[in-house]
Amino acid sequence: MLKLRGVLRGDLLSAKRKVNVDGEEFEVTLAKEGQFWKVEVEGQIFSIEVEGGDSDISSTRKRKGSRKTRKSGVVSSSIPGKIVSLSINAGDIVAEGDVIMILEAMKMQNEIQAPISGEITELNCRTGDSIEANSPLLVIEPPSD
């Protein structure tokens, strides 16, 4: 149940969402302010209280990077292309984010970065190779803990 607490004006709000009220869709902007939410609907700003307390409405949407997941050391290209240059060899140690190769795909050169830190244990491509989509190009083995 939402309780309207009056109209407010002139405040900047944050997250945009689509809501459906009695079958009618609205785009609203939400911002948490203390125990209330400021909601902008069609230019009007309301302060509302959500029954159930301090639950954070924005937490129901998955946030990018909010979950710790183990990254794979397998590097592949999602589209076909050509290896323009390799800056690593088998046995090299790389850090996460290091540029390990340049891949040309759709007439654009893309820097491919190491997804994790570790040692290059497999190298399945060379400079000048044409590659297929989703084929493993190299494998990085993370350091053992």
C-alpha atoms as a PDB file:
ATOM      1  CA  MET A   1       0.000   0.000   0.000  1.00  0.00           C
ATOM      2  CA  LEU A   2       1.368   3.428  -0.944  1.00  0.00           C
ATOM      3  CA  LYS A   3       0.479   6.513   1.079  1.00  0.00           C
ATOM      4  CA  LEU A   4       0.783   9.893  -0.695  1.00  0.00           C
ATOM      5  CA  ARG A   5       2.358  12.579   1.480  1.00  0.00           C
ATOM      6  CA  GLY A   6       1.830  15.666  -0.700  1.00  0.00           C
ATOM      7  CA  VAL A   7       3.390  17.203  -3.800  1.00  0.00           C
ATOM      8  CA  LEU A   8       7.015  18.332  -3.807  1.00  0.00           C
ATOM      9  CA  ARG A   9       8.729  20.361  -6.529  1.00  0.00           C
ATOM     10  CA  GLY A  10      12.227  21.131  -7.792  1.00  0.00           C
ATOM     11  CA  ASP A  11      14.210  18.174  -6.433  1.00  0.00           C
ATOM     12  CA  LEU A  12      16.537  16.070  -8.594  1.00  0.00           C
ATOM     13  CA  LEU A  13      15.676  12.375  -8.533  1.00  0.00           C
ATOM     14  CA  SER A  14      17.603   9.249  -9.532  1.00  0.00           C
ATOM     15  CA  ALA A  15      16.507   5.796 -10.872  1.00  0.00           C
ATOM     16  CA  LYS A  16      13.906   5.591 -13.661  1.00  0.00           C
ATOM     17  CA  ARG A  17      11.430   2.700 -13.616  1.00  0.00           C
ATOM     18  CA  LYS A  18       8.231   1.691 -15.403  1.00  0.00           C
ATOM     19  CA  VAL A  19       5.252   0.973 -13.193  1.00  0.00           C
ATOM     20  CA  ASN A  20       1.780  -0.292 -13.966  1.00  0.00           C
ATOM     21  CA  VAL A  21      -1.104   1.260 -12.011  1.00  0.00           C
ATOM     22  CA  ASP A  22      -4.593  -0.115 -12.684  1.00  0.00           C
ATOM     23  CA  GLY A  23      -3.509  -1.297 -16.143  1.00  0.00           C
ATOM     24  CA  GLU A  24      -1.896   2.021 -17.125  1.00  0.00           C
ATOM     25  CA  GLU A  25       1.883   2.154 -17.582  1.00  0.00           C
ATOM     26  CA  PHE A  26       3.883   5.125 -16.272  1.00  0.00           C
ATOM     27  CA  GLU A  27       7.591   5.936 -16.343  1.00  0.00           C
ATOM     28  CA  VAL A  28       8.585   7.172 -12.893  1.00  0.00           C
ATOM     29  CA  THR A  29      11.782   8.392 -11.263  1.00  0.00           C
ATOM     30  CA  LEU A  30      12.571   7.135  -7.748  1.00  0.00           C
ATOM     31  CA  ALA A  31      14.909   8.345  -5.024  1.00  0.00           C
ATOM     32  CA  LYS A  32      15.123   7.166  -1.406  1.00  0.00           C
ATOM     33  CA  GLU A  33      15.039   9.976   1.152  1.00  0.00           C
ATOM     34  CA  GLY A  34      15.090   8.763   4.728  1.00  0.00           C
ATOM     35  CA  GLN A  35      12.066   6.512   5.302  1.00  0.00           C
ATOM     36  CA  PHE A  36      10.224   7.979   2.300  1.00  0.00           C
ATOM     37  CA  TRP A  37      10.582   7.693  -1.468  1.00  0.00           C
ATOM     38  CA  LYS A  38      10.392  10.678  -3.772  1.00  0.00           C
ATOM     39  CA  VAL A  39       8.572   9.633  -6.933  1.00  0.00           C
ATOM     40  CA  GLU A  40       8.198  11.770 -10.059  1.00  0.00           C
ATOM     41  CA  VAL A  41       5.195  10.882 -12.246  1.00  0.00           C
ATOM     42  CA  GLU A  42       4.468  12.934 -15.373  1.00  0.00           C
ATOM     43  CA  GLY A  43       6.295  15.976 -13.975  1.00  0.00           C
ATOM     44  CA  GLN A  44       4.687  15.875 -10.526  1.00  0.00           C
ATOM     45  CA  ILE A  45       6.803  14.818  -7.542  1.00  0.00           C
ATOM     46  CA  PHE A  46       5.305  12.894  -4.627  1.00  0.00           C
ATOM     47  CA  SER A  47       6.764  11.723  -1.339  1.00  0.00           C
ATOM     48  CA  ILE A  48       5.493   8.225  -0.565  1.00  0.00           C
ATOM     49  CA  GLU A  49       5.843   5.749   2.245  1.00  0.00           C
ATOM     50  CA  VAL A  50       5.995   2.059   1.364  1.00  0.00           C
ATOM     51  CA  GLU A  51       4.152  -0.167   3.804  1.00  0.00           C
ATOM     52  CA  GLY A  52       6.555  -2.689   5.282  1.00  0.00           C
ATOM     53  CA  GLY A  53       9.252  -0.338   6.453  1.00  0.00           C
ATOM     54  CA  ASP A  54      12.747   0.356   5.209  1.00  0.00           C
ATOM     55  CA  SER A  55      12.884  -2.175   2.378  1.00  0.00           C
ATOM     56  CA  ASP A  56      14.919  -0.752  -0.484  1.00  0.00           C
ATOM     57  CA  ILE A  57      12.878  -0.896  -3.702  1.00  0.00           C
ATOM     58  CA  SER A  58      16.017  -0.489  -5.792  1.00  0.00           C
ATOM     59  CA  SER A  59      17.519  -3.652  -4.290  1.00  0.00           C
ATOM     60  CA  THR A  60      15.018  -5.804  -6.191  1.00  0.00           C
ATOM     61  CA  ARG A  61      16.815  -4.997  -9.452  1.00  0.00           C
ATOM     62  CA  LYS A  62      20.058  -6.876 -10.019  1.00  0.00           C
ATOM     63  CA  ARG A  63      22.989  -4.529  -9.829  1.00  0.00           C
ATOM     64  CA  LYS A  64      25.924  -5.029 -12.153  1.00  0.00           C
ATOM     65  CA  GLY A  65      28.917  -6.280 -10.246  1.00  0.00           C
ATOM     66  CA  SER A  66      27.036  -6.657  -6.967  1.00  0.00           C
ATOM     67  CA  ARG A  67      27.603 -10.414  -6.885  1.00  0.00           C
ATOM     68  CA  LYS A  68      31.087 -11.835  -6.493  1.00  0.00           C
ATOM     69  CA  THR A  69      31.573 -14.419  -9.216  1.00  0.00           C
ATOM     70  CA  ARG A  70      34.629 -16.330 -10.253  1.00  0.00           C
ATOM     71  CA  LYS A  71      35.826 -15.157 -13.655  1.00  0.00           C
ATOM     72  CA  SER A  72      36.969 -17.626 -16.264  1.00  0.00           C
ATOM     73  CA  GLY A  73      40.522 -17.594 -17.565  1.00  0.00           C
ATOM     74  CA  VAL A  74      39.369 -18.754 -21.013  1.00  0.00           C
ATOM     75  CA  VAL A  75      39.563 -15.905 -23.534  1.00  0.00           C
ATOM     76  CA  SER A  76      37.420 -16.146 -26.671  1.00  0.00           C
ATOM     77  CA  SER A  77      35.826 -13.733 -29.122  1.00  0.00           C
ATOM     78  CA  SER A  78      32.048 -13.442 -29.336  1.00  0.00           C
ATOM     79  CA  ILE A  79      32.329 -12.616 -33.069  1.00  0.00           C
ATOM     80  CA  PRO A  80      34.601 -13.820 -35.881  1.00  0.00           C
ATOM     81  CA  GLY A  81      37.672 -11.735 -36.616  1.00  0.00           C
ATOM     82  CA  LYS A  82      41.409 -11.611 -37.246  1.00  0.00           C
ATOM     83  CA  ILE A  83      44.238 -11.473 -34.704  1.00  0.00           C
ATOM     84  CA  VAL A  84      46.152  -8.262 -35.501  1.00  0.00           C
ATOM     85  CA  SER A  85      48.734  -8.599 -32.719  1.00  0.00           C
ATOM     86  CA  LEU A  86      49.532 -10.641 -29.618  1.00  0.00           C
ATOM     87  CA  SER A  87      51.364  -9.041 -26.708  1.00  0.00           C
ATOM     88  CA  ILE A  88      51.821 -12.288 -24.773  1.00  0.00           C
ATOM     89  CA  ASN A  89      53.359 -15.761 -25.158  1.00  0.00           C
ATOM     90  CA  ALA A  90      52.629 -19.086 -23.468  1.00  0.00           C
ATOM     91  CA  GLY A  91      54.128 -19.021 -19.967  1.00  0.00           C
ATOM     92  CA  ASP A  92      53.830 -15.242 -19.545  1.00  0.00           C
ATOM     93  CA  ILE A  93      52.306 -13.817 -16.353  1.00  0.00           C
ATOM     94  CA  VAL A  94      49.553 -11.227 -16.896  1.00  0.00           C
ATOM     95  CA  ALA A  95      47.529  -8.993 -14.601  1.00  0.00           C
ATOM     96  CA  GLU A  96      43.769  -8.576 -14.849  1.00  0.00           C
ATOM     97  CA  GLY A  97      43.052  -5.785 -17.338  1.00  0.00           C
ATOM     98  CA  ASP A  98      46.349  -6.103 -19.264  1.00  0.00           C
ATOM     99  CA  VAL A  99      45.886  -5.802 -23.039  1.00  0.00           C
ATOM    100  CA  ILE A 100      46.822  -9.242 -24.335  1.00  0.00           C
ATOM    101  CA  MET A 101      45.868  -8.939 -28.010  1.00  0.00           C
ATOM    102  CA  ILE A 102      44.335  -6.763 -30.694  1.00  0.00           C
ATOM    103  CA  LEU A 103      41.421  -8.352 -32.551  1.00  0.00           C
ATOM    104  CA  GLU A 104      40.002  -6.884 -35.744  1.00  0.00           C
ATOM    105  CA  ALA A 105      36.294  -7.595 -36.132  1.00  0.00           C
ATOM    106  CA  MET A 106      33.860  -5.774 -38.411  1.00  0.00           C
ATOM    107  CA  LYS A 107      36.659  -3.406 -39.563  1.00  0.00           C
ATOM    108  CA  MET A 108      37.314  -2.258 -35.982  1.00  0.00           C
ATOM    109  CA  GLN A 109      40.389  -3.040 -33.900  1.00  0.00           C
ATOM    110  CA  ASN A 110      39.513  -4.114 -30.370  1.00  0.00           C
ATOM    111  CA  GLU A 111      41.850  -4.391 -27.401  1.00  0.00           C
ATOM    112  CA  ILE A 112      41.259  -7.704 -25.645  1.00  0.00           C
ATOM    113  CA  GLN A 113      42.117  -7.572 -21.944  1.00  0.00           C
ATOM    114  CA  ALA A 114      43.028 -10.347 -19.534  1.00  0.00           C
ATOM    115  CA  PRO A 115      39.867 -11.224 -17.563  1.00  0.00           C
ATOM    116  CA  ILE A 116      41.948 -12.477 -14.600  1.00  0.00           C
ATOM    117  CA  SER A 117      45.527 -12.374 -13.377  1.00  0.00           C
ATOM    118  CA  GLY A 118      47.672 -15.447 -13.876  1.00  0.00           C
ATOM    119  CA  GLU A 119      49.859 -17.452 -16.248  1.00  0.00           C
ATOM    120  CA  ILE A 120      49.125 -18.039 -19.943  1.00  0.00           C
ATOM    121  CA  THR A 121      48.895 -21.851 -20.037  1.00  0.00           C
ATOM    122  CA  GLU A 122      47.403 -22.309 -23.525  1.00  0.00           C
ATOM    123  CA  LEU A 123      47.821 -20.156 -26.613  1.00  0.00           C
ATOM    124  CA  ASN A 124      45.587 -21.330 -29.469  1.00  0.00           C
ATOM    125  CA  CYS A 125      46.146 -18.489 -31.949  1.00  0.00           C
ATOM    126  CA  ARG A 126      48.882 -16.489 -33.703  1.00  0.00           C
ATOM    127  CA  THR A 127      49.128 -13.050 -35.261  1.00  0.00           C
ATOM    128  CA  GLY A 128      47.294 -13.090 -38.608  1.00  0.00           C
ATOM    129  CA  ASP A 129      44.944 -15.974 -37.709  1.00  0.00           C
ATOM    130  CA  SER A 130      41.301 -15.699 -38.693  1.00  0.00           C
ATOM    131  CA  ILE A 131      39.184 -16.893 -35.811  1.00  0.00           C
ATOM    132  CA  GLU A 132      35.664 -18.194 -35.462  1.00  0.00           C
ATOM    133  CA  ALA A 133      33.204 -16.865 -32.905  1.00  0.00           C
ATOM    134  CA  ASN A 134      33.366 -18.464 -29.452  1.00  0.00           C
ATOM    135  CA  SER A 135      36.548 -20.452 -30.132  1.00  0.00           C
ATOM    136  CA  PRO A 136      38.986 -20.460 -27.177  1.00  0.00           C
ATOM    137  CA  LEU A 137      41.972 -18.248 -28.051  1.00  0.00           C
ATOM    138  CA  LEU A 138      43.972 -18.672 -24.865  1.00  0.00           C
ATOM    139  CA  VAL A 139      43.709 -19.834 -21.273  1.00  0.00           C
ATOM    140  CA  ILE A 140      44.948 -17.980 -18.187  1.00  0.00           C
ATOM    141  CA  GLU A 141      45.506 -20.075 -15.067  1.00  0.00           C
ATOM    142  CA  PRO A 142      45.085 -18.035 -11.865  1.00  0.00           C
ATOM    143  CA  PRO A 143      47.850 -18.282  -9.268  1.00  0.00           C
ATOM    144  CA  SER A 144      47.289 -21.044  -6.718  1.00  0.00           C
ATOM    145  CA  ASP A 145      46.445 -19.737  -3.245  1.00  0.00           C
END
